[in-house]
Amino acid sequence: MPQSDPRPGEKYLHFKNKLYQIIAIAQHAETGEKMVVYQALYGTFQTYVIPWFMFVSQVDRQKYPQVEQKYCFQWVEFKKEEREQTSKPPKRESVKQPAAVPETSERKPVKQEEAITKPPRKELSTEQKMMAFFDADTSEERYDILLDMRGEVTDRMINNMAVVLDVVIEEGPLDIRYEELKACLRTRQRYERNRLK
């Protein structure tokens, strides 16, 4: 059962309504203790490590009597359709959800190649778009998401996306790094298309 056997790639909802993804199961170099390495799927996408027994433990009811969730980290199963639509954890009334990023006049005009892509997705927050990028099955999907994020991406986000693609995007001006990541995805798209022929 995933709840008691966390594995890389699985997603878990913390009882404080934050979504995380397992990166690795590790072993403490000194003590040999089993550890869980996991990454936040919101904000700055920070990476953390916690002892395995704490990760799979139940919520302390004396300390947190109002929490409905049984486990500190509850396994979340996303169906493919749900991943493509929102990649968002279940909504709870007690926690504010991130607001969708509004359109701004600062967005750069799209180039001709960008205008031919798929119609825009329903308005998602930046975090939801990042989740969709991580979960995308093809380079074409990732490319479309990256285009949709123009004007929202930060250097840190480019670093995270580059890690997912297993590429290095050199430090430099943000707009140049964005274009390099876009070019990398374009190359992968062509490679995937040629493989299918």
N, C-alpha and C. Protein backbone atom coordinates (compact mmCIF):
# COMPACT_ATOMS: atom_id res chain seq x y z
N MET A 1 0.85 -1.19 0.00
CA MET A 1 0.00 0.00 0.00
C MET A 1 0.89 1.24 0.00
N PRO A 2 0.65 2.20 -0.92
CA PRO A 2 1.49 3.39 -1.02
C PRO A 2 1.59 4.19 0.28
N GLN A 3 0.53 4.22 1.07
CA GLN A 3 0.55 5.02 2.29
C GLN A 3 1.69 4.61 3.23
N SER A 4 1.95 3.33 3.35
CA SER A 4 2.99 2.87 4.26
C SER A 4 4.30 2.51 3.54
N ASP A 5 4.33 2.73 2.23
CA ASP A 5 5.51 2.39 1.45
C ASP A 5 5.77 3.48 0.41
N PRO A 6 6.14 4.70 0.86
CA PRO A 6 6.34 5.80 -0.09
C PRO A 6 7.45 5.50 -1.08
N ARG A 7 7.24 5.90 -2.33
CA ARG A 7 8.21 5.64 -3.39
C ARG A 7 8.42 6.89 -4.22
N PRO A 8 9.59 7.02 -4.87
CA PRO A 8 9.86 8.19 -5.69
C PRO A 8 8.77 8.42 -6.74
N GLY A 9 8.40 9.69 -6.90
CA GLY A 9 7.39 10.06 -7.88
C GLY A 9 5.99 10.17 -7.31
N GLU A 10 5.74 9.53 -6.18
CA GLU A 10 4.40 9.58 -5.59
C GLU A 10 4.18 10.94 -4.93
N LYS A 11 2.90 11.33 -4.87
CA LYS A 11 2.54 12.62 -4.28
C LYS A 11 1.78 12.39 -2.97
N TYR A 12 2.07 13.26 -2.00
CA TYR A 12 1.45 13.16 -0.68
C TYR A 12 0.98 14.54 -0.23
N LEU A 13 -0.18 14.57 0.39
CA LEU A 13 -0.75 15.80 0.92
C LEU A 13 -0.47 15.86 2.41
N HIS A 14 0.25 16.90 2.84
CA HIS A 14 0.52 17.09 4.27
C HIS A 14 -0.77 17.52 4.95
N PHE A 15 -0.92 17.20 6.23
CA PHE A 15 -2.17 17.52 6.91
C PHE A 15 -2.43 19.02 7.01
N LYS A 16 -1.43 19.85 6.72
CA LYS A 16 -1.63 21.30 6.67
C LYS A 16 -1.95 21.76 5.25
N ASN A 17 -2.38 20.80 4.41
CA ASN A 17 -2.89 21.05 3.06
C ASN A 17 -1.83 21.57 2.08
N LYS A 18 -0.63 21.03 2.15
CA LYS A 18 0.43 21.35 1.19
C LYS A 18 0.80 20.06 0.47
N LEU A 19 1.04 20.16 -0.85
CA LEU A 19 1.31 18.98 -1.66
C LEU A 19 2.81 18.80 -1.87
N TYR A 20 3.28 17.55 -1.74
CA TYR A 20 4.69 17.21 -1.89
C TYR A 20 4.84 16.00 -2.79
N GLN A 21 6.03 15.87 -3.38
CA GLN A 21 6.35 14.70 -4.20
C GLN A 21 7.62 14.06 -3.67
N ILE A 22 7.60 12.72 -3.58
CA ILE A 22 8.76 11.98 -3.12
C ILE A 22 9.85 12.03 -4.19
N ILE A 23 11.05 12.39 -3.79
CA ILE A 23 12.19 12.39 -4.72
C ILE A 23 12.97 11.09 -4.59
N ALA A 24 13.20 10.67 -3.32
CA ALA A 24 13.98 9.45 -3.10
C ALA A 24 13.75 8.93 -1.69
N ILE A 25 14.02 7.64 -1.52
CA ILE A 25 14.10 7.04 -0.19
C ILE A 25 15.60 6.86 0.05
N ALA A 26 16.10 7.43 1.13
CA ALA A 26 17.54 7.45 1.38
C ALA A 26 17.86 6.77 2.71
N GLN A 27 19.15 6.65 2.97
CA GLN A 27 19.61 6.06 4.22
C GLN A 27 20.60 7.03 4.85
N HIS A 28 20.40 7.33 6.13
CA HIS A 28 21.31 8.23 6.84
C HIS A 28 22.71 7.61 6.86
N ALA A 29 23.72 8.39 6.47
CA ALA A 29 25.08 7.86 6.33
C ALA A 29 25.67 7.39 7.66
N GLU A 30 25.32 8.02 8.76
CA GLU A 30 25.90 7.67 10.07
C GLU A 30 25.09 6.60 10.80
N THR A 31 23.78 6.79 10.83
CA THR A 31 22.94 5.91 11.66
C THR A 31 22.29 4.76 10.88
N GLY A 32 22.24 4.90 9.54
CA GLY A 32 21.58 3.88 8.73
C GLY A 32 20.06 4.03 8.73
N GLU A 33 19.54 5.08 9.39
CA GLU A 33 18.10 5.29 9.48
C GLU A 33 17.51 5.59 8.09
N LYS A 34 16.35 5.01 7.82
CA LYS A 34 15.65 5.21 6.55
C LYS A 34 15.05 6.62 6.54
N MET A 35 15.27 7.35 5.44
CA MET A 35 14.81 8.72 5.32
C MET A 35 13.99 8.89 4.03
N VAL A 36 13.12 9.90 4.03
CA VAL A 36 12.34 10.24 2.84
C VAL A 36 12.78 11.62 2.39
N VAL A 37 13.19 11.72 1.12
CA VAL A 37 13.56 13.00 0.52
C VAL A 37 12.37 13.43 -0.33
N TYR A 38 11.83 14.62 -0.06
CA TYR A 38 10.63 15.05 -0.77
C TYR A 38 10.70 16.52 -1.10
N GLN A 39 9.91 16.93 -2.12
CA GLN A 39 9.95 18.29 -2.61
C GLN A 39 8.56 18.91 -2.57
N ALA A 40 8.53 20.18 -2.14
CA ALA A 40 7.27 20.93 -2.14
C ALA A 40 6.85 21.18 -3.58
N LEU A 41 5.56 21.05 -3.83
CA LEU A 41 5.02 21.33 -5.17
C LEU A 41 4.26 22.65 -5.14
N TYR A 42 4.86 23.63 -4.48
CA TYR A 42 4.29 24.97 -4.36
C TYR A 42 5.43 25.92 -4.01
N GLY A 43 5.16 27.19 -4.08
CA GLY A 43 6.14 28.20 -3.66
C GLY A 43 7.46 28.09 -4.38
N THR A 44 8.54 27.91 -3.61
CA THR A 44 9.89 27.84 -4.19
C THR A 44 10.31 26.40 -4.49
N PHE A 45 9.43 25.44 -4.31
CA PHE A 45 9.69 24.03 -4.60
C PHE A 45 10.90 23.52 -3.79
N GLN A 46 10.92 23.90 -2.53
CA GLN A 46 11.99 23.52 -1.60
C GLN A 46 12.04 22.00 -1.42
N THR A 47 13.24 21.46 -1.21
CA THR A 47 13.42 20.03 -0.97
C THR A 47 13.71 19.79 0.51
N TYR A 48 13.12 18.72 1.07
CA TYR A 48 13.25 18.40 2.48
C TYR A 48 13.62 16.94 2.67
N VAL A 49 14.05 16.60 3.89
CA VAL A 49 14.30 15.21 4.27
C VAL A 49 13.71 15.01 5.67
N ILE A 50 13.11 13.84 5.88
CA ILE A 50 12.47 13.52 7.15
C ILE A 50 12.64 12.02 7.40
N PRO A 51 12.78 11.60 8.66
CA PRO A 51 12.84 10.16 8.92
C PRO A 51 11.61 9.45 8.38
N TRP A 52 11.81 8.28 7.82
CA TRP A 52 10.73 7.52 7.19
C TRP A 52 9.56 7.29 8.15
N PHE A 53 9.86 6.91 9.41
CA PHE A 53 8.79 6.61 10.35
C PHE A 53 7.92 7.83 10.62
N MET A 54 8.51 9.04 10.57
CA MET A 54 7.72 10.26 10.77
C MET A 54 6.85 10.54 9.55
N PHE A 55 7.39 10.25 8.36
CA PHE A 55 6.64 10.51 7.13
C PHE A 55 5.37 9.67 7.07
N VAL A 56 5.45 8.42 7.51
CA VAL A 56 4.28 7.52 7.41
C VAL A 56 3.43 7.51 8.68
N SER A 57 3.77 8.33 9.67
CA SER A 57 3.05 8.31 10.94
C SER A 57 1.68 8.99 10.84
N GLN A 58 0.86 8.71 11.83
CA GLN A 58 -0.46 9.32 11.89
C GLN A 58 -0.37 10.69 12.57
N VAL A 59 -1.34 11.54 12.29
CA VAL A 59 -1.40 12.87 12.90
C VAL A 59 -1.58 12.72 14.40
N ASP A 60 -0.86 13.53 15.17
CA ASP A 60 -0.98 13.55 16.63
C ASP A 60 -2.30 14.22 16.99
N ARG A 61 -3.30 13.42 17.38
CA ARG A 61 -4.65 13.93 17.66
C ARG A 61 -4.70 14.83 18.89
N GLN A 62 -3.79 14.64 19.83
CA GLN A 62 -3.77 15.51 21.02
C GLN A 62 -3.27 16.90 20.64
N LYS A 63 -2.29 16.95 19.78
CA LYS A 63 -1.72 18.22 19.37
C LYS A 63 -2.57 18.92 18.31
N TYR A 64 -3.17 18.14 17.40
CA TYR A 64 -3.98 18.68 16.30
C TYR A 64 -5.36 18.02 16.27
N PRO A 65 -6.22 18.30 17.25
CA PRO A 65 -7.53 17.63 17.31
C PRO A 65 -8.48 18.00 16.16
N GLN A 66 -8.28 19.17 15.55
CA GLN A 66 -9.17 19.64 14.49
C GLN A 66 -8.86 19.03 13.12
N VAL A 67 -7.71 18.38 12.97
CA VAL A 67 -7.30 17.84 11.66
C VAL A 67 -8.11 16.58 11.34
N GLU A 68 -8.68 16.55 10.13
CA GLU A 68 -9.48 15.40 9.70
C GLU A 68 -8.63 14.29 9.09
N GLN A 69 -7.50 14.66 8.49
CA GLN A 69 -6.64 13.70 7.81
C GLN A 69 -6.04 12.72 8.82
N LYS A 70 -5.97 11.45 8.45
CA LYS A 70 -5.47 10.41 9.36
C LYS A 70 -3.95 10.44 9.50
N TYR A 71 -3.24 10.59 8.36
CA TYR A 71 -1.78 10.54 8.36
C TYR A 71 -1.18 11.94 8.20
N CYS A 72 0.05 12.10 8.71
CA CYS A 72 0.77 13.37 8.54
C CYS A 72 0.92 13.68 7.06
N PHE A 73 1.31 12.67 6.28
CA PHE A 73 1.41 12.78 4.83
C PHE A 73 0.48 11.72 4.24
N GLN A 74 -0.58 12.16 3.60
CA GLN A 74 -1.59 11.26 3.05
C GLN A 74 -1.32 11.05 1.56
N TRP A 75 -1.19 9.80 1.13
CA TRP A 75 -0.96 9.49 -0.27
C TRP A 75 -2.10 10.02 -1.12
N VAL A 76 -1.76 10.63 -2.26
CA VAL A 76 -2.75 11.21 -3.17
C VAL A 76 -2.62 10.51 -4.51
N GLU A 77 -3.72 10.00 -5.01
CA GLU A 77 -3.71 9.35 -6.32
C GLU A 77 -4.34 10.30 -7.32
N PHE A 78 -3.59 10.64 -8.36
CA PHE A 78 -4.10 11.50 -9.41
C PHE A 78 -4.39 10.65 -10.63
N LYS A 79 -5.62 10.73 -11.11
CA LYS A 79 -5.93 10.10 -12.39
C LYS A 79 -5.33 10.98 -13.47
N LYS A 80 -5.03 10.43 -14.63
CA LYS A 80 -4.38 11.18 -15.69
C LYS A 80 -5.19 12.42 -16.06
N GLU A 81 -6.53 12.30 -16.12
CA GLU A 81 -7.36 13.44 -16.50
C GLU A 81 -7.23 14.56 -15.46
N GLU A 82 -7.18 14.19 -14.17
CA GLU A 82 -7.05 15.20 -13.12
C GLU A 82 -5.71 15.91 -13.22
N ARG A 83 -4.63 15.17 -13.52
CA ARG A 83 -3.31 15.78 -13.65
C ARG A 83 -3.32 16.80 -14.76
N GLU A 84 -3.95 16.45 -15.89
CA GLU A 84 -3.94 17.34 -17.03
C GLU A 84 -4.79 18.57 -16.79
N GLN A 85 -5.87 18.44 -16.00
CA GLN A 85 -6.75 19.57 -15.78
C GLN A 85 -6.18 20.56 -14.76
N THR A 86 -5.81 20.06 -13.58
CA THR A 86 -5.42 21.01 -12.54
C THR A 86 -4.15 20.67 -11.79
N SER A 87 -3.86 19.41 -11.59
CA SER A 87 -2.73 18.98 -10.76
C SER A 87 -2.80 19.69 -9.41
N LYS A 88 -3.97 19.69 -8.82
CA LYS A 88 -4.21 20.45 -7.61
C LYS A 88 -4.69 19.51 -6.50
N PRO A 89 -4.21 19.66 -5.25
CA PRO A 89 -4.66 18.82 -4.16
C PRO A 89 -6.13 19.10 -3.83
N PRO A 90 -6.81 18.17 -3.12
CA PRO A 90 -8.19 18.41 -2.75
C PRO A 90 -8.33 19.70 -1.96
N LYS A 91 -9.38 20.45 -2.22
CA LYS A 91 -9.58 21.74 -1.57
C LYS A 91 -10.19 21.54 -0.19
N ARG A 92 -9.68 22.32 0.78
CA ARG A 92 -10.23 22.31 2.13
C ARG A 92 -10.64 23.72 2.47
N GLU A 93 -11.73 23.84 3.20
CA GLU A 93 -12.25 25.16 3.52
C GLU A 93 -11.35 25.95 4.45
N SER A 94 -10.62 25.28 5.33
CA SER A 94 -9.83 25.97 6.34
C SER A 94 -8.53 26.57 5.81
N VAL A 95 -8.15 26.22 4.59
CA VAL A 95 -6.89 26.71 4.05
C VAL A 95 -7.15 27.48 2.77
N LYS A 96 -6.56 28.67 2.66
CA LYS A 96 -6.71 29.46 1.43
C LYS A 96 -5.91 28.83 0.32
N GLN A 97 -6.53 28.71 -0.85
CA GLN A 97 -5.85 28.17 -2.02
C GLN A 97 -5.17 29.31 -2.76
N PRO A 98 -4.05 29.04 -3.44
CA PRO A 98 -3.40 30.11 -4.19
C PRO A 98 -4.31 30.64 -5.28
N ALA A 99 -4.32 31.95 -5.44
CA ALA A 99 -5.18 32.57 -6.46
C ALA A 99 -4.57 32.37 -7.83
N ALA A 100 -5.44 32.34 -8.83
CA ALA A 100 -4.95 32.21 -10.20
C ALA A 100 -4.17 33.47 -10.57
N VAL A 101 -3.17 33.31 -11.40
CA VAL A 101 -2.34 34.44 -11.80
C VAL A 101 -3.11 35.24 -12.85
N PRO A 102 -3.39 36.52 -12.58
CA PRO A 102 -4.16 37.30 -13.55
C PRO A 102 -3.31 37.69 -14.75
N GLU A 103 -4.01 37.94 -15.84
CA GLU A 103 -3.33 38.45 -17.03
C GLU A 103 -2.82 39.85 -16.72
N THR A 104 -1.63 40.17 -17.18
CA THR A 104 -1.11 41.51 -16.95
C THR A 104 -0.68 42.11 -18.27
N SER A 105 -0.55 43.43 -18.26
CA SER A 105 -0.13 44.10 -19.48
C SER A 105 1.36 43.91 -19.73
N GLU A 106 2.10 43.36 -18.72
CA GLU A 106 3.53 43.17 -18.85
C GLU A 106 3.89 41.94 -19.69
N ARG A 107 2.93 41.10 -19.99
CA ARG A 107 3.24 39.90 -20.77
C ARG A 107 3.71 40.29 -22.15
N LYS A 108 4.71 39.57 -22.63
CA LYS A 108 5.28 39.86 -23.94
C LYS A 108 4.37 39.30 -25.02
N PRO A 109 4.31 39.94 -26.19
CA PRO A 109 3.48 39.40 -27.27
C PRO A 109 4.01 38.05 -27.73
N VAL A 110 3.09 37.19 -28.16
CA VAL A 110 3.51 35.87 -28.59
C VAL A 110 4.07 35.93 -30.01
N LYS A 111 5.02 35.05 -30.27
CA LYS A 111 5.59 34.96 -31.61
C LYS A 111 4.67 34.14 -32.49
N GLN A 112 4.90 34.16 -33.79
CA GLN A 112 4.06 33.44 -34.74
C GLN A 112 3.97 31.96 -34.39
N GLU A 113 5.12 31.31 -34.05
CA GLU A 113 5.10 29.88 -33.74
C GLU A 113 4.27 29.58 -32.50
N GLU A 114 4.21 30.55 -31.58
CA GLU A 114 3.46 30.34 -30.35
C GLU A 114 1.96 30.48 -30.59
N ALA A 115 1.58 31.30 -31.55
CA ALA A 115 0.17 31.54 -31.81
C ALA A 115 -0.52 30.32 -32.41
N ILE A 116 0.25 29.38 -32.97
CA ILE A 116 -0.34 28.21 -33.63
C ILE A 116 -0.61 27.09 -32.63
N THR A 117 -0.14 27.21 -31.42
CA THR A 117 -0.28 26.13 -30.45
C THR A 117 -1.73 25.96 -30.00
N LYS A 118 -1.93 25.00 -29.10
CA LYS A 118 -3.26 24.67 -28.61
C LYS A 118 -3.91 25.88 -27.93
N PRO A 119 -5.26 25.87 -27.81
CA PRO A 119 -5.93 26.98 -27.14
C PRO A 119 -5.49 27.05 -25.67
N PRO A 120 -5.55 28.24 -25.06
CA PRO A 120 -5.08 28.35 -23.68
C PRO A 120 -5.90 27.48 -22.73
N ARG A 121 -5.23 26.95 -21.71
CA ARG A 121 -5.92 26.13 -20.70
C ARG A 121 -6.73 27.05 -19.81
N LYS A 122 -7.65 26.46 -19.05
CA LYS A 122 -8.36 27.29 -18.11
C LYS A 122 -7.34 27.90 -17.16
N GLU A 123 -7.64 29.05 -16.61
CA GLU A 123 -6.67 29.80 -15.81
C GLU A 123 -6.22 28.98 -14.61
N LEU A 124 -4.92 28.68 -14.56
CA LEU A 124 -4.33 27.93 -13.46
C LEU A 124 -3.32 28.81 -12.76
N SER A 125 -3.06 28.51 -11.50
CA SER A 125 -2.02 29.24 -10.79
C SER A 125 -0.66 28.80 -11.33
N THR A 126 0.37 29.57 -11.02
CA THR A 126 1.72 29.23 -11.45
C THR A 126 2.12 27.87 -10.90
N GLU A 127 1.78 27.60 -9.65
CA GLU A 127 2.11 26.31 -9.03
C GLU A 127 1.44 25.16 -9.76
N GLN A 128 0.19 25.35 -10.16
CA GLN A 128 -0.53 24.30 -10.88
C GLN A 128 0.10 24.06 -12.25
N LYS A 129 0.55 25.13 -12.89
CA LYS A 129 1.21 24.97 -14.19
C LYS A 129 2.52 24.22 -14.02
N MET A 130 3.26 24.53 -12.95
CA MET A 130 4.52 23.81 -12.70
C MET A 130 4.23 22.33 -12.48
N MET A 131 3.20 22.01 -11.71
CA MET A 131 2.82 20.61 -11.48
C MET A 131 2.48 19.94 -12.81
N ALA A 132 1.73 20.63 -13.64
CA ALA A 132 1.35 20.07 -14.94
C ALA A 132 2.60 19.83 -15.79
N PHE A 133 3.56 20.76 -15.72
CA PHE A 133 4.82 20.59 -16.45
C PHE A 133 5.55 19.35 -15.97
N PHE A 134 5.65 19.16 -14.65
CA PHE A 134 6.34 18.00 -14.09
C PHE A 134 5.66 16.70 -14.50
N ASP A 135 4.32 16.71 -14.56
CA ASP A 135 3.56 15.49 -14.83
C ASP A 135 3.32 15.22 -16.31
N ALA A 136 3.67 16.16 -17.18
CA ALA A 136 3.39 16.01 -18.61
C ALA A 136 4.08 14.76 -19.18
N ASP A 137 3.40 14.10 -20.11
CA ASP A 137 3.91 12.87 -20.71
C ASP A 137 4.79 13.12 -21.93
N THR A 138 4.62 14.27 -22.58
CA THR A 138 5.38 14.52 -23.81
C THR A 138 6.04 15.90 -23.76
N SER A 139 7.03 16.08 -24.61
CA SER A 139 7.70 17.38 -24.72
C SER A 139 6.75 18.43 -25.28
N GLU A 140 5.83 17.99 -26.12
CA GLU A 140 4.86 18.92 -26.69
C GLU A 140 3.98 19.52 -25.60
N GLU A 141 3.51 18.68 -24.67
CA GLU A 141 2.71 19.18 -23.55
C GLU A 141 3.52 20.16 -22.72
N ARG A 142 4.77 19.79 -22.43
CA ARG A 142 5.64 20.67 -21.62
C ARG A 142 5.89 21.99 -22.34
N TYR A 143 6.08 21.93 -23.64
CA TYR A 143 6.31 23.14 -24.42
C TYR A 143 5.10 24.07 -24.33
N ASP A 144 3.91 23.51 -24.49
CA ASP A 144 2.69 24.31 -24.40
C ASP A 144 2.55 24.97 -23.02
N ILE A 145 2.87 24.20 -21.98
CA ILE A 145 2.79 24.74 -20.62
C ILE A 145 3.80 25.87 -20.44
N LEU A 146 5.02 25.66 -20.95
CA LEU A 146 6.05 26.69 -20.84
C LEU A 146 5.61 27.97 -21.54
N LEU A 147 5.00 27.85 -22.72
CA LEU A 147 4.49 29.03 -23.43
C LEU A 147 3.43 29.73 -22.61
N ASP A 148 2.58 28.95 -21.97
CA ASP A 148 1.51 29.50 -21.14
C ASP A 148 2.07 30.23 -19.91
N MET A 149 3.29 29.89 -19.52
CA MET A 149 3.89 30.49 -18.32
C MET A 149 4.76 31.70 -18.64
N ARG A 150 4.83 32.10 -19.90
CA ARG A 150 5.65 33.27 -20.26
C ARG A 150 5.25 34.45 -19.39
N GLY A 151 6.21 35.12 -18.85
CA GLY A 151 5.93 36.26 -17.97
C GLY A 151 5.80 35.87 -16.51
N GLU A 152 5.68 34.57 -16.22
CA GLU A 152 5.54 34.10 -14.84
C GLU A 152 6.80 33.40 -14.35
N VAL A 153 7.61 32.88 -15.28
CA VAL A 153 8.74 32.05 -14.86
C VAL A 153 9.82 32.85 -14.16
N THR A 154 10.47 32.19 -13.22
CA THR A 154 11.60 32.77 -12.48
C THR A 154 12.83 31.91 -12.76
N ASP A 155 13.98 32.39 -12.35
CA ASP A 155 15.21 31.59 -12.51
C ASP A 155 15.08 30.26 -11.80
N ARG A 156 14.52 30.27 -10.60
CA ARG A 156 14.37 29.03 -9.82
C ARG A 156 13.46 28.03 -10.54
N MET A 157 12.39 28.53 -11.14
CA MET A 157 11.48 27.65 -11.87
C MET A 157 12.19 27.04 -13.09
N ILE A 158 12.99 27.85 -13.78
CA ILE A 158 13.74 27.33 -14.92
C ILE A 158 14.70 26.25 -14.46
N ASN A 159 15.35 26.47 -13.32
CA ASN A 159 16.26 25.45 -12.77
C ASN A 159 15.51 24.15 -12.50
N ASN A 160 14.30 24.24 -11.89
CA ASN A 160 13.51 23.05 -11.59
C ASN A 160 13.06 22.33 -12.86
N MET A 161 12.64 23.10 -13.86
CA MET A 161 12.21 22.49 -15.11
C MET A 161 13.39 21.83 -15.83
N ALA A 162 14.55 22.46 -15.75
CA ALA A 162 15.75 21.89 -16.37
C ALA A 162 16.11 20.56 -15.71
N VAL A 163 15.95 20.48 -14.39
CA VAL A 163 16.22 19.23 -13.67
C VAL A 163 15.29 18.12 -14.17
N VAL A 164 14.01 18.45 -14.33
CA VAL A 164 13.04 17.47 -14.82
C VAL A 164 13.43 16.98 -16.21
N LEU A 165 13.95 17.87 -17.03
CA LEU A 165 14.34 17.51 -18.40
C LEU A 165 15.74 16.92 -18.48
N ASP A 166 16.46 16.95 -17.37
CA ASP A 166 17.83 16.45 -17.30
C ASP A 166 18.74 17.22 -18.26
N VAL A 167 18.62 18.56 -18.23
CA VAL A 167 19.47 19.44 -19.02
C VAL A 167 20.02 20.54 -18.12
N VAL A 168 21.02 21.25 -18.60
CA VAL A 168 21.58 22.38 -17.86
C VAL A 168 21.30 23.65 -18.66
N ILE A 169 20.67 24.61 -18.00
CA ILE A 169 20.45 25.92 -18.60
C ILE A 169 21.38 26.87 -17.85
N GLU A 170 22.37 27.39 -18.56
CA GLU A 170 23.40 28.24 -17.94
C GLU A 170 22.77 29.50 -17.33
N GLU A 171 23.42 30.01 -16.28
CA GLU A 171 22.99 31.26 -15.65
C GLU A 171 23.10 32.40 -16.65
N GLY A 172 22.25 33.39 -16.48
CA GLY A 172 22.25 34.54 -17.38
C GLY A 172 20.94 35.28 -17.26
N PRO A 173 20.66 36.18 -18.20
CA PRO A 173 19.38 36.91 -18.17
C PRO A 173 18.20 35.95 -18.28
N LEU A 174 17.15 36.24 -17.53
CA LEU A 174 15.98 35.36 -17.46
C LEU A 174 15.36 35.08 -18.83
N ASP A 175 15.22 36.13 -19.66
CA ASP A 175 14.58 35.91 -20.96
C ASP A 175 15.41 35.00 -21.87
N ILE A 176 16.74 35.07 -21.76
CA ILE A 176 17.59 34.19 -22.57
C ILE A 176 17.49 32.75 -22.06
N ARG A 177 17.46 32.58 -20.74
CA ARG A 177 17.33 31.24 -20.16
C ARG A 177 15.98 30.62 -20.56
N TYR A 178 14.93 31.44 -20.56
CA TYR A 178 13.60 30.97 -20.97
C TYR A 178 13.64 30.49 -22.42
N GLU A 179 14.26 31.27 -23.30
CA GLU A 179 14.35 30.90 -24.72
C GLU A 179 15.17 29.63 -24.90
N GLU A 180 16.24 29.45 -24.10
CA GLU A 180 17.05 28.23 -24.20
C GLU A 180 16.25 27.01 -23.78
N LEU A 181 15.48 27.14 -22.72
CA LEU A 181 14.64 26.02 -22.28
C LEU A 181 13.59 25.70 -23.33
N LYS A 182 13.02 26.74 -23.92
CA LYS A 182 12.04 26.56 -24.98
C LYS A 182 12.66 25.84 -26.18
N ALA A 183 13.88 26.25 -26.56
CA ALA A 183 14.57 25.62 -27.69
C ALA A 183 14.87 24.15 -27.40
N CYS A 184 15.23 23.87 -26.16
CA CYS A 184 15.50 22.48 -25.76
C CYS A 184 14.24 21.64 -25.92
N LEU A 185 13.10 22.16 -25.49
CA LEU A 185 11.84 21.42 -25.61
C LEU A 185 11.44 21.26 -27.08
N ARG A 186 11.70 22.28 -27.89
CA ARG A 186 11.41 22.20 -29.33
C ARG A 186 12.21 21.06 -29.96
N THR A 187 13.48 20.96 -29.60
CA THR A 187 14.34 19.89 -30.14
C THR A 187 13.81 18.53 -29.73
N ARG A 188 13.41 18.41 -28.47
CA ARG A 188 12.86 17.13 -28.00
C ARG A 188 11.56 16.79 -28.72
N GLN A 189 10.74 17.80 -28.98
CA GLN A 189 9.49 17.57 -29.72
C GLN A 189 9.80 16.95 -31.09
N ARG A 190 10.76 17.54 -31.79
CA ARG A 190 11.12 17.02 -33.13
C ARG A 190 11.63 15.59 -33.03
N TYR A 191 12.45 15.33 -32.02
CA TYR A 191 12.98 13.98 -31.83
C TYR A 191 11.85 12.99 -31.57
N GLU A 192 10.90 13.36 -30.71
CA GLU A 192 9.77 12.47 -30.41
C GLU A 192 8.93 12.22 -31.64
N ARG A 193 8.70 13.26 -32.44
CA ARG A 193 7.91 13.10 -33.67
C ARG A 193 8.61 12.17 -34.65
N ASN A 194 9.93 12.36 -34.81
CA ASN A 194 10.69 11.50 -35.74
C ASN A 194 10.70 10.05 -35.30
N ARG A 195 10.73 9.83 -34.01
CA ARG A 195 10.71 8.45 -33.49
C ARG A 195 9.40 7.76 -33.81
N LEU A 196 8.31 8.52 -33.84
CA LEU A 196 6.99 7.94 -34.10
C LEU A 196 6.77 7.63 -35.58
N LYS A 197 7.57 8.23 -36.45
CA LYS A 197 7.38 8.00 -37.89
C LYS A 197 7.85 6.63 -38.30
